[in-house]
Amino acid sequence: MNKELRALEKTTTWKLIKRNPDGIVERYKARLVVKGYTQVEEVDYNENFSPVAKTVTVRILFALAAAKG
């Protein structure tokens, strides 16, 4: 990760602290990193999936809701 951060800073495409035009700190950037390699199946988790809603599904749901009032 340090190698990746150094590469981003070297190309000036990323900065740790975002500042307003007047130089005041606007926000600090952070990222949550989970150590997945320490998890044990059936102890820490039972399923491995990420719920995703497709745009078409959401549009159908809204259409049905509008039709039913």
PDB file of N, CA and C in Angstrom:
ATOM      1  N   MET A   1       0.819  -1.179   0.000  1.00  0.00           N
ATOM      2  CA  MET A   1       0.000   0.000   0.000  1.00  0.00           C
ATOM      3  C   MET A   1       0.872   1.255   0.000  1.00  0.00           C
ATOM      4  N   ASN A   2       1.953   1.232   0.732  1.00  0.00           N
ATOM      5  CA  ASN A   2       2.855   2.391   0.748  1.00  0.00           C
ATOM      6  C   ASN A   2       3.401   2.679  -0.642  1.00  0.00           C
ATOM      7  N   LYS A   3       3.705   1.611  -1.387  1.00  0.00           N
ATOM      8  CA  LYS A   3       4.207   1.776  -2.756  1.00  0.00           C
ATOM      9  C   LYS A   3       3.148   2.457  -3.627  1.00  0.00           C
ATOM     10  N   GLU A   4       1.899   2.053  -3.468  1.00  0.00           N
ATOM     11  CA  GLU A   4       0.800   2.656  -4.238  1.00  0.00           C
ATOM     12  C   GLU A   4       0.624   4.134  -3.872  1.00  0.00           C
ATOM     13  N   LEU A   5       0.667   4.452  -2.588  1.00  0.00           N
ATOM     14  CA  LEU A   5       0.526   5.846  -2.146  1.00  0.00           C
ATOM     15  C   LEU A   5       1.664   6.710  -2.666  1.00  0.00           C
ATOM     16  N   ARG A   6       2.882   6.196  -2.612  1.00  0.00           N
ATOM     17  CA  ARG A   6       4.023   6.958  -3.127  1.00  0.00           C
ATOM     18  C   ARG A   6       3.863   7.234  -4.619  1.00  0.00           C
ATOM     19  N   ALA A   7       3.376   6.239  -5.376  1.00  0.00           N
ATOM     20  CA  ALA A   7       3.184   6.427  -6.814  1.00  0.00           C
ATOM     21  C   ALA A   7       2.129   7.502  -7.074  1.00  0.00           C
ATOM     22  N   LEU A   8       1.043   7.505  -6.301  1.00  0.00           N
ATOM     23  CA  LEU A   8      -0.004   8.513  -6.479  1.00  0.00           C
ATOM     24  C   LEU A   8       0.506   9.908  -6.127  1.00  0.00           C
ATOM     25  N   GLU A   9       1.279  10.015  -5.061  1.00  0.00           N
ATOM     26  CA  GLU A   9       1.823  11.314  -4.664  1.00  0.00           C
ATOM     27  C   GLU A   9       2.871  11.795  -5.668  1.00  0.00           C
ATOM     28  N   LYS A  10       3.651  10.876  -6.215  1.00  0.00           N
ATOM     29  CA  LYS A  10       4.688  11.240  -7.181  1.00  0.00           C
ATOM     30  C   LYS A  10       4.075  11.830  -8.453  1.00  0.00           C
ATOM     31  N   THR A  11       2.940  11.285  -8.878  1.00  0.00           N
ATOM     32  CA  THR A  11       2.280  11.783 -10.088  1.00  0.00           C
ATOM     33  C   THR A  11       1.330  12.933  -9.774  1.00  0.00           C
ATOM     34  N   THR A  12       1.299  13.350  -8.529  1.00  0.00           N
ATOM     35  CA  THR A  12       0.434  14.430  -8.032  1.00  0.00           C
ATOM     36  C   THR A  12      -1.030  14.249  -8.435  1.00  0.00           C
ATOM     37  N   THR A  13      -1.488  13.000  -8.372  1.00  0.00           N
ATOM     38  CA  THR A  13      -2.898  12.721  -8.656  1.00  0.00           C
ATOM     39  C   THR A  13      -3.708  12.521  -7.383  1.00  0.00           C
ATOM     40  N   TRP A  14      -3.042  12.556  -6.229  1.00  0.00           N
ATOM     41  CA  TRP A  14      -3.733  12.302  -4.967  1.00  0.00           C
ATOM     42  C   TRP A  14      -2.988  12.999  -3.847  1.00  0.00           C
ATOM     43  N   LYS A  15      -3.731  13.600  -2.928  1.00  0.00           N
ATOM     44  CA  LYS A  15      -3.134  14.208  -1.742  1.00  0.00           C
ATOM     45  C   LYS A  15      -3.880  13.727  -0.519  1.00  0.00           C
ATOM     46  N   LEU A  16      -3.167  13.564   0.593  1.00  0.00           N
ATOM     47  CA  LEU A  16      -3.760  13.062   1.827  1.00  0.00           C
ATOM     48  C   LEU A  16      -4.769  14.050   2.403  1.00  0.00           C
ATOM     49  N   ILE A  17      -4.493  15.324   2.297  1.00  0.00           N
ATOM     50  CA  ILE A  17      -5.367  16.356   2.865  1.00  0.00           C
ATOM     51  C   ILE A  17      -5.911  17.214   1.733  1.00  0.00           C
ATOM     52  N   LYS A  18      -7.234  17.343   1.682  1.00  0.00           N
ATOM     53  CA  LYS A  18      -7.867  18.190   0.672  1.00  0.00           C
ATOM     54  C   LYS A  18      -8.080  19.568   1.281  1.00  0.00           C
ATOM     55  N   ARG A  19      -7.642  20.611   0.567  1.00  0.00           N
ATOM     56  CA  ARG A  19      -7.739  21.979   1.068  1.00  0.00           C
ATOM     57  C   ARG A  19      -8.628  22.833   0.169  1.00  0.00           C
ATOM     58  N   ASN A  20      -9.266  23.838   0.772  1.00  0.00           N
ATOM     59  CA  ASN A  20     -10.038  24.830   0.033  1.00  0.00           C
ATOM     60  C   ASN A  20      -9.067  25.744  -0.712  1.00  0.00           C
ATOM     61  N   PRO A  21      -9.568  26.545  -1.662  1.00  0.00           N
ATOM     62  CA  PRO A  21      -8.683  27.478  -2.379  1.00  0.00           C
ATOM     63  C   PRO A  21      -7.936  28.439  -1.453  1.00  0.00           C
ATOM     64  N   ASP A  22      -8.517  28.744  -0.273  1.00  0.00           N
ATOM     65  CA  ASP A  22      -7.841  29.657   0.655  1.00  0.00           C
ATOM     66  C   ASP A  22      -6.842  28.949   1.566  1.00  0.00           C
ATOM     67  N   GLY A  23      -6.672  27.624   1.398  1.00  0.00           N
ATOM     68  CA  GLY A  23      -5.663  26.885   2.146  1.00  0.00           C
ATOM     69  C   GLY A  23      -6.159  26.210   3.408  1.00  0.00           C
ATOM     70  N   ILE A  24      -7.411  26.434   3.792  1.00  0.00           N
ATOM     71  CA  ILE A  24      -7.969  25.800   4.995  1.00  0.00           C
ATOM     72  C   ILE A  24      -8.294  24.338   4.678  1.00  0.00           C
ATOM     73  N   VAL A  25      -8.024  23.447   5.652  1.00  0.00           N
ATOM     74  CA  VAL A  25      -8.279  22.020   5.454  1.00  0.00           C
ATOM     75  C   VAL A  25      -9.777  21.795   5.281  1.00  0.00           C
ATOM     76  N   GLU A  26     -10.137  21.178   4.156  1.00  0.00           N
ATOM     77  CA  GLU A  26     -11.545  20.861   3.892  1.00  0.00           C
ATOM     78  C   GLU A  26     -11.902  19.511   4.483  1.00  0.00           C
ATOM     79  N   ARG A  27     -11.058  18.509   4.217  1.00  0.00           N
ATOM     80  CA  ARG A  27     -11.287  17.179   4.778  1.00  0.00           C
ATOM     81  C   ARG A  27     -10.028  16.337   4.638  1.00  0.00           C
ATOM     82  N   TYR A  28      -9.958  15.328   5.499  1.00  0.00           N
ATOM     83  CA  TYR A  28      -8.875  14.357   5.429  1.00  0.00           C
ATOM     84  C   TYR A  28      -9.393  13.136   4.685  1.00  0.00           C
ATOM     85  N   LYS A  29      -8.562  12.534   3.858  1.00  0.00           N
ATOM     86  CA  LYS A  29      -8.976  11.349   3.125  1.00  0.00           C
ATOM     87  C   LYS A  29      -8.546  10.117   3.906  1.00  0.00           C
ATOM     88  N   ALA A  30      -9.423   9.134   3.951  1.00  0.00           N
ATOM     89  CA  ALA A  30      -9.117   7.884   4.644  1.00  0.00           C
ATOM     90  C   ALA A  30      -9.818   6.741   3.928  1.00  0.00           C
ATOM     91  N   ARG A  31      -9.326   5.549   4.158  1.00  0.00           N
ATOM     92  CA  ARG A  31      -9.917   4.364   3.548  1.00  0.00           C
ATOM     93  C   ARG A  31      -9.909   3.248   4.576  1.00  0.00           C
ATOM     94  N   LEU A  32     -11.035   2.550   4.691  1.00  0.00           N
ATOM     95  CA  LEU A  32     -11.130   1.421   5.603  1.00  0.00           C
ATOM     96  C   LEU A  32     -10.604   0.182   4.891  1.00  0.00           C
ATOM     97  N   VAL A  33      -9.664  -0.492   5.510  1.00  0.00           N
ATOM     98  CA  VAL A  33      -9.094  -1.701   4.932  1.00  0.00           C
ATOM     99  C   VAL A  33      -9.380  -2.856   5.875  1.00  0.00           C
ATOM    100  N   VAL A  34     -10.009  -3.880   5.350  1.00  0.00           N
ATOM    101  CA  VAL A  34     -10.368  -5.039   6.154  1.00  0.00           C
ATOM    102  C   VAL A  34      -9.367  -6.150   5.890  1.00  0.00           C
ATOM    103  N   LYS A  35      -8.907  -6.765   6.963  1.00  0.00           N
ATOM    104  CA  LYS A  35      -7.964  -7.869   6.814  1.00  0.00           C
ATOM    105  C   LYS A  35      -8.750  -9.157   6.580  1.00  0.00           C
ATOM    106  N   GLY A  36      -9.148  -9.389   5.335  1.00  0.00           N
ATOM    107  CA  GLY A  36      -9.954 -10.549   5.002  1.00  0.00           C
ATOM    108  C   GLY A  36      -9.226 -11.865   5.142  1.00  0.00           C
ATOM    109  N   TYR A  37      -7.919 -11.825   5.088  1.00  0.00           N
ATOM    110  CA  TYR A  37      -7.153 -13.062   5.159  1.00  0.00           C
ATOM    111  C   TYR A  37      -7.185 -13.697   6.543  1.00  0.00           C
ATOM    112  N   THR A  38      -7.662 -12.978   7.562  1.00  0.00           N
ATOM    113  CA  THR A  38      -7.729 -13.551   8.904  1.00  0.00           C
ATOM    114  C   THR A  38      -9.099 -14.146   9.207  1.00  0.00           C
ATOM    115  N   GLN A  39     -10.050 -13.996   8.282  1.00  0.00           N
ATOM    116  CA  GLN A  39     -11.386 -14.526   8.501  1.00  0.00           C
ATOM    117  C   GLN A  39     -11.420 -16.025   8.260  1.00  0.00           C
ATOM    118  N   VAL A  40     -12.302 -16.704   9.007  1.00  0.00           N
ATOM    119  CA  VAL A  40     -12.461 -18.142   8.877  1.00  0.00           C
ATOM    120  C   VAL A  40     -13.899 -18.425   8.473  1.00  0.00           C
ATOM    121  N   GLU A  41     -14.083 -19.199   7.400  1.00  0.00           N
ATOM    122  CA  GLU A  41     -15.427 -19.534   6.944  1.00  0.00           C
ATOM    123  C   GLU A  41     -16.191 -20.278   8.030  1.00  0.00           C
ATOM    124  N   GLU A  42     -17.463 -19.992   8.148  1.00  0.00           N
ATOM    125  CA  GLU A  42     -18.378 -20.544   9.148  1.00  0.00           C
ATOM    126  C   GLU A  42     -18.134 -19.984  10.553  1.00  0.00           C
ATOM    127  N   VAL A  43     -17.084 -19.209  10.760  1.00  0.00           N
ATOM    128  CA  VAL A  43     -16.851 -18.555  12.047  1.00  0.00           C
ATOM    129  C   VAL A  43     -17.135 -17.063  11.903  1.00  0.00           C
ATOM    130  N   ASP A  44     -16.471 -16.410  10.947  1.00  0.00           N
ATOM    131  CA  ASP A  44     -16.637 -14.979  10.721  1.00  0.00           C
ATOM    132  C   ASP A  44     -17.705 -14.663   9.682  1.00  0.00           C
ATOM    133  N   TYR A  45     -17.990 -15.589   8.807  1.00  0.00           N
ATOM    134  CA  TYR A  45     -18.992 -15.361   7.766  1.00  0.00           C
ATOM    135  C   TYR A  45     -19.534 -16.694   7.278  1.00  0.00           C
ATOM    136  N   ASN A  46     -20.758 -16.648   6.730  1.00  0.00           N
ATOM    137  CA  ASN A  46     -21.369 -17.855   6.171  1.00  0.00           C
ATOM    138  C   ASN A  46     -21.509 -17.758   4.659  1.00  0.00           C
ATOM    139  N   GLU A  47     -21.679 -16.538   4.156  1.00  0.00           N
ATOM    140  CA  GLU A  47     -21.859 -16.340   2.729  1.00  0.00           C
ATOM    141  C   GLU A  47     -20.893 -15.259   2.251  1.00  0.00           C
ATOM    142  N   ASN A  48     -20.576 -15.308   0.983  1.00  0.00           N
ATOM    143  CA  ASN A  48     -19.681 -14.318   0.409  1.00  0.00           C
ATOM    144  C   ASN A  48     -20.351 -13.731  -0.823  1.00  0.00           C
ATOM    145  N   PHE A  49     -21.064 -12.604  -0.630  1.00  0.00           N
ATOM    146  CA  PHE A  49     -21.728 -11.970  -1.754  1.00  0.00           C
ATOM    147  C   PHE A  49     -21.881 -10.486  -1.466  1.00  0.00           C
ATOM    148  N   SER A  50     -22.116  -9.745  -2.502  1.00  0.00           N
ATOM    149  CA  SER A  50     -22.362  -8.316  -2.385  1.00  0.00           C
ATOM    150  C   SER A  50     -23.694  -8.013  -3.048  1.00  0.00           C
ATOM    151  N   PRO A  51     -24.687  -7.550  -2.284  1.00  0.00           N
ATOM    152  CA  PRO A  51     -25.985  -7.268  -2.893  1.00  0.00           C
ATOM    153  C   PRO A  51     -25.895  -6.114  -3.882  1.00  0.00           C
ATOM    154  N   VAL A  52     -26.463  -6.323  -5.057  1.00  0.00           N
ATOM    155  CA  VAL A  52     -26.426  -5.319  -6.111  1.00  0.00           C
ATOM    156  C   VAL A  52     -27.829  -5.172  -6.687  1.00  0.00           C
ATOM    157  N   ALA A  53     -28.278  -3.952  -6.842  1.00  0.00           N
ATOM    158  CA  ALA A  53     -29.571  -3.695  -7.464  1.00  0.00           C
ATOM    159  C   ALA A  53     -29.330  -3.119  -8.846  1.00  0.00           C
ATOM    160  N   LYS A  54     -29.836  -3.800  -9.852  1.00  0.00           N
ATOM    161  CA  LYS A  54     -29.691  -3.308 -11.220  1.00  0.00           C
ATOM    162  C   LYS A  54     -30.682  -2.181 -11.463  1.00  0.00           C
ATOM    163  N   THR A  55     -30.332  -1.268 -12.330  1.00  0.00           N
ATOM    164  CA  THR A  55     -31.183  -0.122 -12.638  1.00  0.00           C
ATOM    165  C   THR A  55     -32.545  -0.576 -13.158  1.00  0.00           C
ATOM    166  N   VAL A  56     -32.556  -1.612 -13.978  1.00  0.00           N
ATOM    167  CA  VAL A  56     -33.813  -2.117 -14.536  1.00  0.00           C
ATOM    168  C   VAL A  56     -34.726  -2.607 -13.413  1.00  0.00           C
ATOM    169  N   THR A  57     -34.164  -3.300 -12.424  1.00  0.00           N
ATOM    170  CA  THR A  57     -34.957  -3.808 -11.314  1.00  0.00           C
ATOM    171  C   THR A  57     -35.574  -2.669 -10.516  1.00  0.00           C
ATOM    172  N   VAL A  58     -34.811  -1.640 -10.257  1.00  0.00           N
ATOM    173  CA  VAL A  58     -35.308  -0.487  -9.504  1.00  0.00           C
ATOM    174  C   VAL A  58     -36.406   0.220 -10.286  1.00  0.00           C
ATOM    175  N   ARG A  59     -36.232   0.370 -11.592  1.00  0.00           N
ATOM    176  CA  ARG A  59     -37.249   1.020 -12.424  1.00  0.00           C
ATOM    177  C   ARG A  59     -38.547   0.230 -12.429  1.00  0.00           C
ATOM    178  N   ILE A  60     -38.459  -1.095 -12.494  1.00  0.00           N
ATOM    179  CA  ILE A  60     -39.655  -1.932 -12.450  1.00  0.00           C
ATOM    180  C   ILE A  60     -40.351  -1.796 -11.108  1.00  0.00           C
ATOM    181  N   LEU A  61     -39.575  -1.778 -10.036  1.00  0.00           N
ATOM    182  CA  LEU A  61     -40.146  -1.613  -8.695  1.00  0.00           C
ATOM    183  C   LEU A  61     -40.887  -0.281  -8.579  1.00  0.00           C
ATOM    184  N   PHE A  62     -40.291   0.790  -9.079  1.00  0.00           N
ATOM    185  CA  PHE A  62     -40.952   2.102  -9.052  1.00  0.00           C
ATOM    186  C   PHE A  62     -42.202   2.109  -9.928  1.00  0.00           C
ATOM    187  N   ALA A  63     -42.148   1.453 -11.088  1.00  0.00           N
ATOM    188  CA  ALA A  63     -43.310   1.401 -11.975  1.00  0.00           C
ATOM    189  C   ALA A  63     -44.464   0.650 -11.307  1.00  0.00           C
ATOM    190  N   LEU A  64     -44.146  -0.463 -10.649  1.00  0.00           N
ATOM    191  CA  LEU A  64     -45.188  -1.223  -9.944  1.00  0.00           C
ATOM    192  C   LEU A  64     -45.773  -0.407  -8.786  1.00  0.00           C
ATOM    193  N   ALA A  65     -44.916   0.276  -8.056  1.00  0.00           N
ATOM    194  CA  ALA A  65     -45.387   1.096  -6.944  1.00  0.00           C
ATOM    195  C   ALA A  65     -46.289   2.232  -7.445  1.00  0.00           C
ATOM    196  N   ALA A  66     -45.932   2.843  -8.552  1.00  0.00           N
ATOM    197  CA  ALA A  66     -46.752   3.912  -9.111  1.00  0.00           C
ATOM    198  C   ALA A  66     -48.089   3.374  -9.625  1.00  0.00           C
ATOM    199  N   ALA A  67     -48.060   2.180 -10.231  1.00  0.00           N
ATOM    200  CA  ALA A  67     -49.288   1.582 -10.748  1.00  0.00           C
ATOM    201  C   ALA A  67     -50.247   1.203  -9.637  1.00  0.00           C
ATOM    202  N   LYS A  68     -49.703   0.766  -8.503  1.00  0.00           N
ATOM    203  CA  LYS A  68     -50.535   0.354  -7.357  1.00  0.00           C
ATOM    204  C   LYS A  68     -50.955   1.525  -6.497  1.00  0.00           C
ATOM    205  N   GLY A  69     -50.347   2.688  -6.750  1.00  0.00           N
ATOM    206  CA  GLY A  69     -50.712   3.885  -5.987  1.00  0.00           C
ATOM    207  C   GLY A  69     -50.055   3.900  -4.646  1.00  0.00           C
TER     208      GLY A  69
END
